C-alpha atoms as a PDB file:
ATOM      1  CA  MET A   1       0.000   0.000   0.000  1.00  0.00           C
ATOM      2  CA  THR A   2       2.935   2.327  -0.704  1.00  0.00           C
ATOM      3  CA  ASN A   3       0.881   4.603  -2.980  1.00  0.00           C
ATOM      4  CA  LEU A   4      -1.527   5.271  -0.117  1.00  0.00           C
ATOM      5  CA  TYR A   5       1.015   7.210   1.936  1.00  0.00           C
ATOM      6  CA  MET A   6       1.130  10.423  -0.114  1.00  0.00           C
ATOM      7  CA  PRO A   7      -2.649  10.957  -0.517  1.00  0.00           C
ATOM      8  CA  VAL A   8      -3.190  10.184   3.180  1.00  0.00           C
ATOM      9  CA  ILE A   9      -0.503  12.698   4.143  1.00  0.00           C
ATOM     10  CA  ALA A  10      -2.133  15.196   1.758  1.00  0.00           C
ATOM     11  CA  PHE A  11      -5.529  14.569   3.369  1.00  0.00           C
ATOM     12  CA  VAL A  12      -4.196  15.008   6.917  1.00  0.00           C
ATOM     13  CA  LEU A  13      -2.414  18.251   6.003  1.00  0.00           C
ATOM     14  CA  SER A  14      -5.515  19.543   4.204  1.00  0.00           C
ATOM     15  CA  LEU A  15      -7.707  18.684   7.167  1.00  0.00           C
ATOM     16  CA  ILE A  16      -5.386  20.529   9.565  1.00  0.00           C
ATOM     17  CA  MET A  17      -5.342  23.581   7.284  1.00  0.00           C
ATOM     18  CA  VAL A  18      -9.149  23.605   6.972  1.00  0.00           C
ATOM     19  CA  ILE A  19      -9.589  23.349  10.750  1.00  0.00           C
ATOM     20  CA  VAL A  20      -7.041  26.106  11.441  1.00  0.00           C
ATOM     21  CA  TYR A  21      -8.327  28.401   8.707  1.00  0.00           C
ATOM     22  CA  PHE A  22     -12.033  28.134   9.501  1.00  0.00           C
ATOM     23  CA  SER A  23     -11.496  28.303  13.262  1.00  0.00           C
ATOM     24  CA  LYS A  24     -10.101  31.839  13.001  1.00  0.00           C
ATOM     25  CA  LYS A  25     -11.780  35.106  12.109  1.00  0.00           C
ATOM     26  CA  ARG A  26     -11.331  36.185   8.508  1.00  0.00           C
ATOM     27  CA  VAL A  27     -11.803  39.388   6.589  1.00  0.00           C
ATOM     28  CA  ASP A  28     -14.816  39.031   4.295  1.00  0.00           C
ATOM     29  CA  LEU A  29     -13.071  39.266   0.921  1.00  0.00           C
ATOM     30  CA  LEU A  30     -13.705  37.476  -2.366  1.00  0.00           C
ATOM     31  CA  GLU A  31     -10.103  36.235  -2.304  1.00  0.00           C
ATOM     32  CA  ASN A  32     -10.695  34.587   1.075  1.00  0.00           C
ATOM     33  CA  LYS A  33     -13.871  32.904  -0.139  1.00  0.00           C
ATOM     34  CA  LEU A  34     -12.053  31.493  -3.153  1.00  0.00           C
ATOM     35  CA  TYR A  35      -9.190  30.330  -0.961  1.00  0.00           C
ATOM     36  CA  SER A  36     -11.721  28.567   1.286  1.00  0.00           C
ATOM     37  CA  LEU A  37     -13.041  26.775  -1.797  1.00  0.00           C
ATOM     38  CA  MET A  38      -9.505  25.801  -2.786  1.00  0.00           C
ATOM     39  CA  LEU A  39      -8.862  24.339   0.670  1.00  0.00           C
ATOM     40  CA  LEU A  40     -12.074  22.295   0.627  1.00  0.00           C
ATOM     41  CA  SER A  41     -11.609  21.069  -2.943  1.00  0.00           C
ATOM     42  CA  ILE A  42      -8.129  19.675  -2.200  1.00  0.00           C
ATOM     43  CA  LEU A  43      -9.364  18.193   1.079  1.00  0.00           C
ATOM     44  CA  PHE A  44     -11.969  16.177  -0.825  1.00  0.00           C
ATOM     45  CA  ASP A  45      -9.543  15.495  -3.664  1.00  0.00           C
ATOM     46  CA  SER A  46      -7.014  13.903  -1.304  1.00  0.00           C
ATOM     47  CA  LEU A  47      -9.840  12.008   0.416  1.00  0.00           C
ATOM     48  CA  CYS A  48     -11.015  10.575  -2.921  1.00  0.00           C
ATOM     49  CA  VAL A  49      -7.478   9.510  -3.857  1.00  0.00           C
ATOM     50  CA  SER A  50      -7.003   7.882  -0.449  1.00  0.00           C
ATOM     51  CA  LEU A  51     -10.288   5.982  -0.804  1.00  0.00           C
ATOM     52  CA  ILE A  52      -9.260   4.868  -4.288  1.00  0.00           C
ATOM     53  CA  PHE A  53      -6.089   3.199  -3.032  1.00  0.00           C
ATOM     54  CA  ILE A  54      -7.801   1.775   0.026  1.00  0.00           C
ATOM     55  CA  ASN A  55     -10.321   0.153  -2.307  1.00  0.00           C
ATOM     56  CA  VAL A  56      -7.612  -1.033  -4.695  1.00  0.00           C
ATOM     57  CA  ASN A  57      -5.644  -2.675  -1.892  1.00  0.00           C
ATOM     58  CA  THR A  58      -8.622  -4.255  -0.071  1.00  0.00           C
ATOM     59  CA  VAL A  59     -11.890  -5.346  -1.683  1.00  0.00           C
ATOM     60  CA  TYR A  60     -11.160  -4.051  -5.180  1.00  0.00           C
ATOM     61  CA  ASN A  61     -14.221  -2.798  -7.057  1.00  0.00           C
ATOM     62  CA  GLU A  62     -13.393  -1.265 -10.444  1.00  0.00           C
ATOM     63  CA  THR A  63     -16.692   0.619 -10.723  1.00  0.00           C
ATOM     64  CA  ILE A  64     -16.165   2.353  -7.378  1.00  0.00           C
ATOM     65  CA  VAL A  65     -12.568   3.215  -8.329  1.00  0.00           C
ATOM     66  CA  LYS A  66     -13.707   4.767 -11.621  1.00  0.00           C
ATOM     67  CA  ILE A  67     -16.431   6.803  -9.895  1.00  0.00           C
ATOM     68  CA  LEU A  68     -14.000   8.052  -7.237  1.00  0.00           C
ATOM     69  CA  ASN A  69     -11.490   9.011  -9.938  1.00  0.00           C
ATOM     70  CA  LYS A  70     -14.088  11.084 -11.788  1.00  0.00           C
ATOM     71  CA  ILE A  71     -15.247  12.782  -8.580  1.00  0.00           C
ATOM     72  CA  ASP A  72     -11.598  13.526  -7.876  1.00  0.00           C
ATOM     73  CA  PHE A  73     -11.253  15.173 -11.315  1.00  0.00           C
ATOM     74  CA  LEU A  74     -14.212  17.419 -10.540  1.00  0.00           C
ATOM     75  CA  PHE A  75     -12.535  18.703  -7.378  1.00  0.00           C
ATOM     76  CA  LEU A  76      -9.328  19.370  -9.327  1.00  0.00           C
ATOM     77  CA  ILE A  77     -11.314  21.408 -11.851  1.00  0.00           C
ATOM     78  CA  ILE A  78     -12.938  23.359  -9.008  1.00  0.00           C
ATOM     79  CA  TRP A  79      -9.503  24.116  -7.557  1.00  0.00           C
ATOM     80  CA  SER A  80      -8.023  25.256 -10.879  1.00  0.00           C
ATOM     81  CA  THR A  81     -11.061  27.431 -11.617  1.00  0.00           C
ATOM     82  CA  SER A  82     -10.747  29.015  -8.179  1.00  0.00           C
ATOM     83  CA  ILE A  83      -7.116  29.967  -8.759  1.00  0.00           C
ATOM     84  CA  LEU A  84      -8.033  31.461 -12.141  1.00  0.00           C
ATOM     85  CA  ILE A  85     -10.807  33.607 -10.646  1.00  0.00           C
ATOM     86  CA  TYR A  86      -8.536  34.502  -7.712  1.00  0.00           C
ATOM     87  CA  THR A  87      -5.916  35.740 -10.179  1.00  0.00           C
ATOM     88  CA  TYR A  88      -8.502  37.776 -12.043  1.00  0.00           C
ATOM     89  CA  ILE A  89      -9.640  39.457  -8.818  1.00  0.00           C
ATOM     90  CA  VAL A  90      -6.192  40.398  -7.493  1.00  0.00           C
ATOM     91  CA  THR A  91      -5.134  41.570 -10.968  1.00  0.00           C
ATOM     92  CA  TYR A  92      -8.134  43.647 -12.040  1.00  0.00           C
ATOM     93  CA  LYS A  93      -9.924  44.702  -8.839  1.00  0.00           C
ATOM     94  CA  GLU A  94      -8.696  48.287  -9.202  1.00  0.00           C
ATOM     95  CA  LYS A  95      -9.897  48.520 -12.789  1.00  0.00           C
ATOM     96  CA  LYS A  96     -12.998  50.352 -13.966  1.00  0.00           C
ATOM     97  CA  ASN A  97     -16.225  48.287 -14.098  1.00  0.00           C
ATOM     98  CA  PHE A  98     -14.504  45.509 -12.148  1.00  0.00           C
ATOM     99  CA  SER A  99     -17.675  44.161 -10.497  1.00  0.00           C
ATOM    100  CA  GLU A 100     -19.579  43.859 -13.776  1.00  0.00           C
ATOM    101  CA  ASN A 101     -16.644  42.265 -15.586  1.00  0.00           C
ATOM    102  CA  LEU A 102     -16.041  39.867 -12.690  1.00  0.00           C
ATOM    103  CA  LYS A 103     -19.631  38.610 -12.851  1.00  0.00           C
ATOM    104  CA  ILE A 104     -19.253  37.910 -16.567  1.00  0.00           C
ATOM    105  CA  PHE A 105     -15.886  36.218 -16.013  1.00  0.00           C
ATOM    106  CA  VAL A 106     -17.276  33.993 -13.252  1.00  0.00           C
ATOM    107  CA  ILE A 107     -20.409  33.057 -15.215  1.00  0.00           C
ATOM    108  CA  VAL A 108     -18.385  32.132 -18.310  1.00  0.00           C
ATOM    109  CA  ASN A 109     -16.042  29.953 -16.228  1.00  0.00           C
ATOM    110  CA  LEU A 110     -18.914  28.257 -14.412  1.00  0.00           C
ATOM    111  CA  ILE A 111     -20.560  27.407 -17.727  1.00  0.00           C
ATOM    112  CA  LEU A 112     -17.283  25.995 -19.062  1.00  0.00           C
ATOM    113  CA  ASP A 113     -16.801  24.025 -15.848  1.00  0.00           C
ATOM    114  CA  LEU A 114     -20.294  22.569 -16.019  1.00  0.00           C
ATOM    115  CA  PHE A 115     -19.668  21.551 -19.617  1.00  0.00           C
ATOM    116  CA  MET A 116     -16.388  19.904 -18.611  1.00  0.00           C
ATOM    117  CA  TYR A 117     -18.025  18.137 -15.655  1.00  0.00           C
ATOM    118  CA  VAL A 118     -20.516  16.479 -18.000  1.00  0.00           C
ATOM    119  CA  ILE A 119     -17.785  15.424 -20.432  1.00  0.00           C
ATOM    120  CA  VAL A 120     -15.576  13.997 -17.677  1.00  0.00           C
ATOM    121  CA  LEU A 121     -18.445  12.074 -16.079  1.00  0.00           C
ATOM    122  CA  PHE A 122     -19.302  10.352 -19.353  1.00  0.00           C
ATOM    123  CA  ALA A 123     -15.799  10.044 -20.819  1.00  0.00           C
ATOM    124  CA  PRO A 124     -14.101   6.621 -20.681  1.00  0.00           C
ATOM    125  CA  ILE A 125     -11.487   5.848 -18.047  1.00  0.00           C
ATOM    126  CA  ASP A 126      -9.260   2.793 -17.597  1.00  0.00           C
ATOM    127  CA  ILE A 127      -7.789   1.608 -14.324  1.00  0.00           C
ATOM    128  CA  ILE A 128      -4.258   0.247 -14.689  1.00  0.00           C
ATOM    129  CA  LEU A 129      -3.174  -2.198 -11.987  1.00  0.00           C
ATOM    130  CA  ILE A 130       0.269  -3.777 -12.224  1.00  0.00           C
ATOM    131  CA  ASN A 131       0.988  -4.493  -8.559  1.00  0.00           C
ATOM    132  CA  ASP A 132       0.421  -2.961  -5.109  1.00  0.00           C
ATOM    133  CA  ILE A 133       2.780  -0.094  -5.981  1.00  0.00           C
ATOM    134  CA  LYS A 134       1.993   0.617  -9.652  1.00  0.00           C
ATOM    135  CA  GLN A 135      -1.622   1.724  -9.975  1.00  0.00           C
ATOM    136  CA  THR A 136      -2.994   4.583 -12.044  1.00  0.00           C
ATOM    137  CA  ALA A 137      -5.869   5.738 -14.252  1.00  0.00           C
ATOM    138  CA  ARG A 138      -5.771   6.519 -17.967  1.00  0.00           C
ATOM    139  CA  GLY A 139      -8.239   7.462 -20.641  1.00  0.00           C
ATOM    140  CA  LEU A 140     -10.106  10.414 -22.120  1.00  0.00           C
ATOM    141  CA  ALA A 141     -11.530  11.525 -18.748  1.00  0.00           C
ATOM    142  CA  VAL A 142      -8.022  11.763 -17.273  1.00  0.00           C
ATOM    143  CA  ASN A 143      -6.546  13.611 -20.261  1.00  0.00           C
ATOM    144  CA  ILE A 144      -9.395  16.126 -20.486  1.00  0.00           C
ATOM    145  CA  SER A 145      -9.252  16.901 -16.768  1.00  0.00           C
ATOM    146  CA  ILE A 146      -5.478  17.415 -16.716  1.00  0.00           C
ATOM    147  CA  VAL A 147      -5.450  19.583 -19.844  1.00  0.00           C
ATOM    148  CA  PHE A 148      -8.370  21.703 -18.623  1.00  0.00           C
ATOM    149  CA  CYS A 149      -6.722  22.292 -15.227  1.00  0.00           C
ATOM    150  CA  LEU A 150      -3.383  23.140 -16.845  1.00  0.00           C
ATOM    151  CA  LEU A 151      -5.140  25.634 -19.145  1.00  0.00           C
ATOM    152  CA  HIS A 152      -6.535  27.378 -16.059  1.00  0.00           C
ATOM    153  CA  VAL A 153      -3.091  27.572 -14.485  1.00  0.00           C
ATOM    154  CA  VAL A 154      -1.451  28.820 -17.693  1.00  0.00           C
ATOM    155  CA  ALA A 155      -4.256  31.372 -18.217  1.00  0.00           C
ATOM    156  CA  SER A 156      -3.583  32.684 -14.697  1.00  0.00           C
ATOM    157  CA  LEU A 157       0.088  33.157 -15.501  1.00  0.00           C
ATOM    158  CA  VAL A 158      -0.652  34.865 -18.827  1.00  0.00           C
ATOM    159  CA  MET A 159      -3.087  37.199 -17.080  1.00  0.00           C
ATOM    160  CA  ILE A 160      -0.352  38.286 -14.672  1.00  0.00           C
ATOM    161  CA  LEU A 161       2.289  38.691 -17.368  1.00  0.00           C
ATOM    162  CA  LEU A 162      -0.050  40.914 -19.409  1.00  0.00           C
ATOM    163  CA  ASN A 163      -0.402  43.132 -16.329  1.00  0.00           C
ATOM    164  CA  PHE A 164       3.148  42.813 -15.060  1.00  0.00           C
ATOM    165  CA  LYS A 165       3.352  46.475 -14.012  1.00  0.00           C
ATOM    166  CA  ASN A 166       0.559  45.921 -11.496  1.00  0.00           C
ATOM    167  CA  ILE A 167       2.034  42.787  -9.950  1.00  0.00           C
ATOM    168  CA  THR A 168       1.766  42.510  -6.149  1.00  0.00           C
ATOM    169  CA  GLN A 169       2.603  40.033  -3.411  1.00  0.00           C
ATOM    170  CA  LYS A 170      -0.785  38.402  -3.956  1.00  0.00           C
ATOM    171  CA  HIS A 171       0.403  37.154  -7.341  1.00  0.00           C
ATOM    172  CA  LEU A 172       3.270  35.153  -5.825  1.00  0.00           C
ATOM    173  CA  PRO A 173       1.222  31.948  -5.280  1.00  0.00           C
ATOM    174  CA  VAL A 174       0.268  31.883  -8.978  1.00  0.00           C
ATOM    175  CA  PHE A 175       3.944  31.797  -9.994  1.00  0.00           C
ATOM    176  CA  ILE A 176       4.585  29.053  -7.446  1.00  0.00           C
ATOM    177  CA  ILE A 177       1.545  27.103  -8.680  1.00  0.00           C
ATOM    178  CA  ASN A 178       2.772  27.317 -12.284  1.00  0.00           C
ATOM    179  CA  PHE A 179       6.225  26.121 -11.214  1.00  0.00           C
ATOM    180  CA  THR A 180       4.655  23.279  -9.221  1.00  0.00           C
ATOM    181  CA  ALA A 181       2.397  22.358 -12.154  1.00  0.00           C
ATOM    182  CA  VAL A 182       5.448  22.001 -14.414  1.00  0.00           C
ATOM    183  CA  ILE A 183       7.202  19.793 -11.835  1.00  0.00           C
ATOM    184  CA  ILE A 184       4.090  17.620 -11.376  1.00  0.00           C
ATOM    185  CA  ALA A 185       3.622  17.331 -15.156  1.00  0.00           C
ATOM    186  CA  ILE A 186       7.243  16.214 -15.592  1.00  0.00           C
ATOM    187  CA  LEU A 187       7.032  13.701 -12.744  1.00  0.00           C
ATOM    188  CA  PHE A 188       3.685  12.346 -13.931  1.00  0.00           C
ATOM    189  CA  SER A 189       4.854  12.039 -17.557  1.00  0.00           C
ATOM    190  CA  THR A 190       8.015  10.156 -16.541  1.00  0.00           C
ATOM    191  CA  ASN A 191       6.226   8.027 -13.961  1.00  0.00           C
ATOM    192  CA  PRO A 192       2.409   7.886 -14.269  1.00  0.00           C
ATOM    193  CA  PHE A 193       2.279   5.642 -11.208  1.00  0.00           C
ATOM    194  CA  LEU A 194       3.636   8.395  -8.937  1.00  0.00           C
ATOM    195  CA  ILE A 195       0.721   9.868  -6.975  1.00  0.00           C
ATOM    196  CA  CYS A 196       1.964  13.432  -6.484  1.00  0.00           C
ATOM    197  CA  ILE A 197      -0.861  15.760  -7.600  1.00  0.00           C
ATOM    198  CA  SER A 198      -2.707  15.966  -4.270  1.00  0.00           C
ATOM    199  CA  ILE A 199       0.377  16.584  -2.147  1.00  0.00           C
ATOM    200  CA  GLY A 200       1.612  19.190  -4.639  1.00  0.00           C
ATOM    201  CA  LEU A 201      -1.653  21.134  -4.499  1.00  0.00           C
ATOM    202  CA  VAL A 202      -1.756  20.891  -0.703  1.00  0.00           C
ATOM    203  CA  LEU A 203       1.681  22.519  -0.570  1.00  0.00           C
ATOM    204  CA  ASN A 204       0.409  25.263  -2.885  1.00  0.00           C
ATOM    205  CA  ASN A 205      -2.522  25.920  -0.559  1.00  0.00           C
ATOM    206  CA  LEU A 206      -0.121  25.986   2.375  1.00  0.00           C
ATOM    207  CA  ILE A 207       2.091  28.577   0.665  1.00  0.00           C
ATOM    208  CA  MET A 208      -0.963  30.713  -0.098  1.00  0.00           C
ATOM    209  CA  TYR A 209      -1.993  30.559   3.555  1.00  0.00           C
ATOM    210  CA  PHE A 210       1.315  31.895   4.827  1.00  0.00           C
ATOM    211  CA  THR A 211       1.995  34.438   2.090  1.00  0.00           C
ATOM    212  CA  ILE A 212      -1.385  35.739   0.983  1.00  0.00           C
ATOM    213  CA  GLU A 213      -4.493  34.451   2.696  1.00  0.00           C
ATOM    214  CA  ASN A 214      -3.464  34.017   6.312  1.00  0.00           C
ATOM    215  CA  PRO A 215      -6.477  35.472   8.177  1.00  0.00           C
ATOM    216  CA  ASP A 216      -4.241  36.691  11.013  1.00  0.00           C
ATOM    217  CA  LEU A 217      -2.174  38.732   8.579  1.00  0.00           C
ATOM    218  CA  LYS A 218      -5.347  40.127   7.058  1.00  0.00           C
ATOM    219  CA  ILE A 219      -6.667  41.246  10.424  1.00  0.00           C
ATOM    220  CA  ILE A 220      -3.292  42.741  11.386  1.00  0.00           C
ATOM    221  CA  GLU A 221      -3.264  44.689   8.132  1.00  0.00           C
ATOM    222  CA  GLU A 222      -6.754  46.013   8.836  1.00  0.00           C
ATOM    223  CA  LEU A 223      -5.682  47.042  12.349  1.00  0.00           C
ATOM    224  CA  LYS A 224      -2.659  48.854  10.927  1.00  0.00           C
ATOM    225  CA  LYS A 225      -4.872  50.747   8.497  1.00  0.00           C
ATOM    226  CA  ASN A 226      -7.301  51.711  11.258  1.00  0.00           C
ATOM    227  CA  ARG A 227      -4.444  52.828  13.515  1.00  0.00           C
ATOM    228  CA  SER A 228      -3.001  54.893  10.689  1.00  0.00           C
ATOM    229  CA  LEU A 229      -6.357  56.580  10.080  1.00  0.00           C
ATOM    230  CA  THR A 230      -6.786  57.219  13.811  1.00  0.00           C
ATOM    231  CA  SER A 231      -3.293  58.753  14.081  1.00  0.00           C
ATOM    232  CA  LYS A 232      -3.947  60.933  11.048  1.00  0.00           C
ATOM    233  CA  SER A 233      -7.249  62.118  12.502  1.00  0.00           C
ATOM    234  CA  TYR A 234      -5.577  62.864  15.855  1.00  0.00           C
ATOM    235  CA  ILE A 235      -2.825  64.901  14.174  1.00  0.00           C
ATOM    236  CA  GLU A 236      -5.375  66.876  12.153  1.00  0.00           C
ATOM    237  CA  LYS A 237      -7.382  67.671  15.305  1.00  0.00           C
ATOM    238  CA  THR A 238      -4.216  68.702  17.174  1.00  0.00           C
ATOM    239  CA  ASN A 239      -3.173  70.998  14.345  1.00  0.00           C
ATOM    240  CA  PHE A 240      -6.652  72.507  14.207  1.00  0.00           C
ATOM    241  CA  LEU A 241      -6.642  73.224  17.950  1.00  0.00           C
ATOM    242  CA  PHE A 242      -3.144  74.673  17.698  1.00  0.00           C
ATOM    243  CA  ARG A 243      -4.234  77.031  14.928  1.00  0.00           C
ATOM    244  CA  MET A 244      -7.348  78.023  16.838  1.00  0.00           C
ATOM    245  CA  SER A 245      -5.274  78.696  19.959  1.00  0.00           C
ATOM    246  CA  ALA A 246      -2.875  80.821  17.937  1.00  0.00           C
ATOM    247  CA  GLU A 247      -5.778  82.808  16.489  1.00  0.00           C
ATOM    248  CA  VAL A 248      -7.253  83.456  19.938  1.00  0.00           C
ATOM    249  CA  LYS A 249      -3.895  84.707  21.265  1.00  0.00           C
ATOM    250  CA  LYS A 250      -3.765  87.229  18.444  1.00  0.00           C
END
């Protein structure tokens, strides 16, 4: 059951991150909501992969394995769509008509996702079992899912590069995700039996938590802004009183 280790580790890490993230107060931002969706999608993705290998190594049922694989692909599509929309928000939120354009962007992506969900659910998939270590899935459903997710990741990178002058710290995870996607693609192409997608995406979520979407950092930033506004208001009042005092002395 060697292949079970990585998805189980991914599931445990995802579960810890979900518990920590949702147990703390968060600023109500669209980016945070999308990050929450990314956390949950990889939690269920790693759970599906773990269940797949538990089934394979116990009472093997090919139908159940195929269904779990396709459900897993749906969660991967949800994650990749979330990172694409996240990139759009942090890149264009200062632009004119952002809210209207965001609605259109989200609707178009949801329609495409729904279309892809239907294709993946009905597309053929083959389960390859060589031994207790070498197990994987192949077929049209696998290829479509991987290509569609990679297109989302690449589109996110292109979006940033086209707006390179406006790049901020919030864009850092997208570069890391693209780098990770290349590494995963290379590893998977050289060894399709290596189960590395879930753990790779968990690490991406972890990096986003500490660099961008950590709720503690968000709250601290809000407190700093409020303190700055309070200090500015205090200085303005002090200057006003000083001027008034000077006028009265005259």
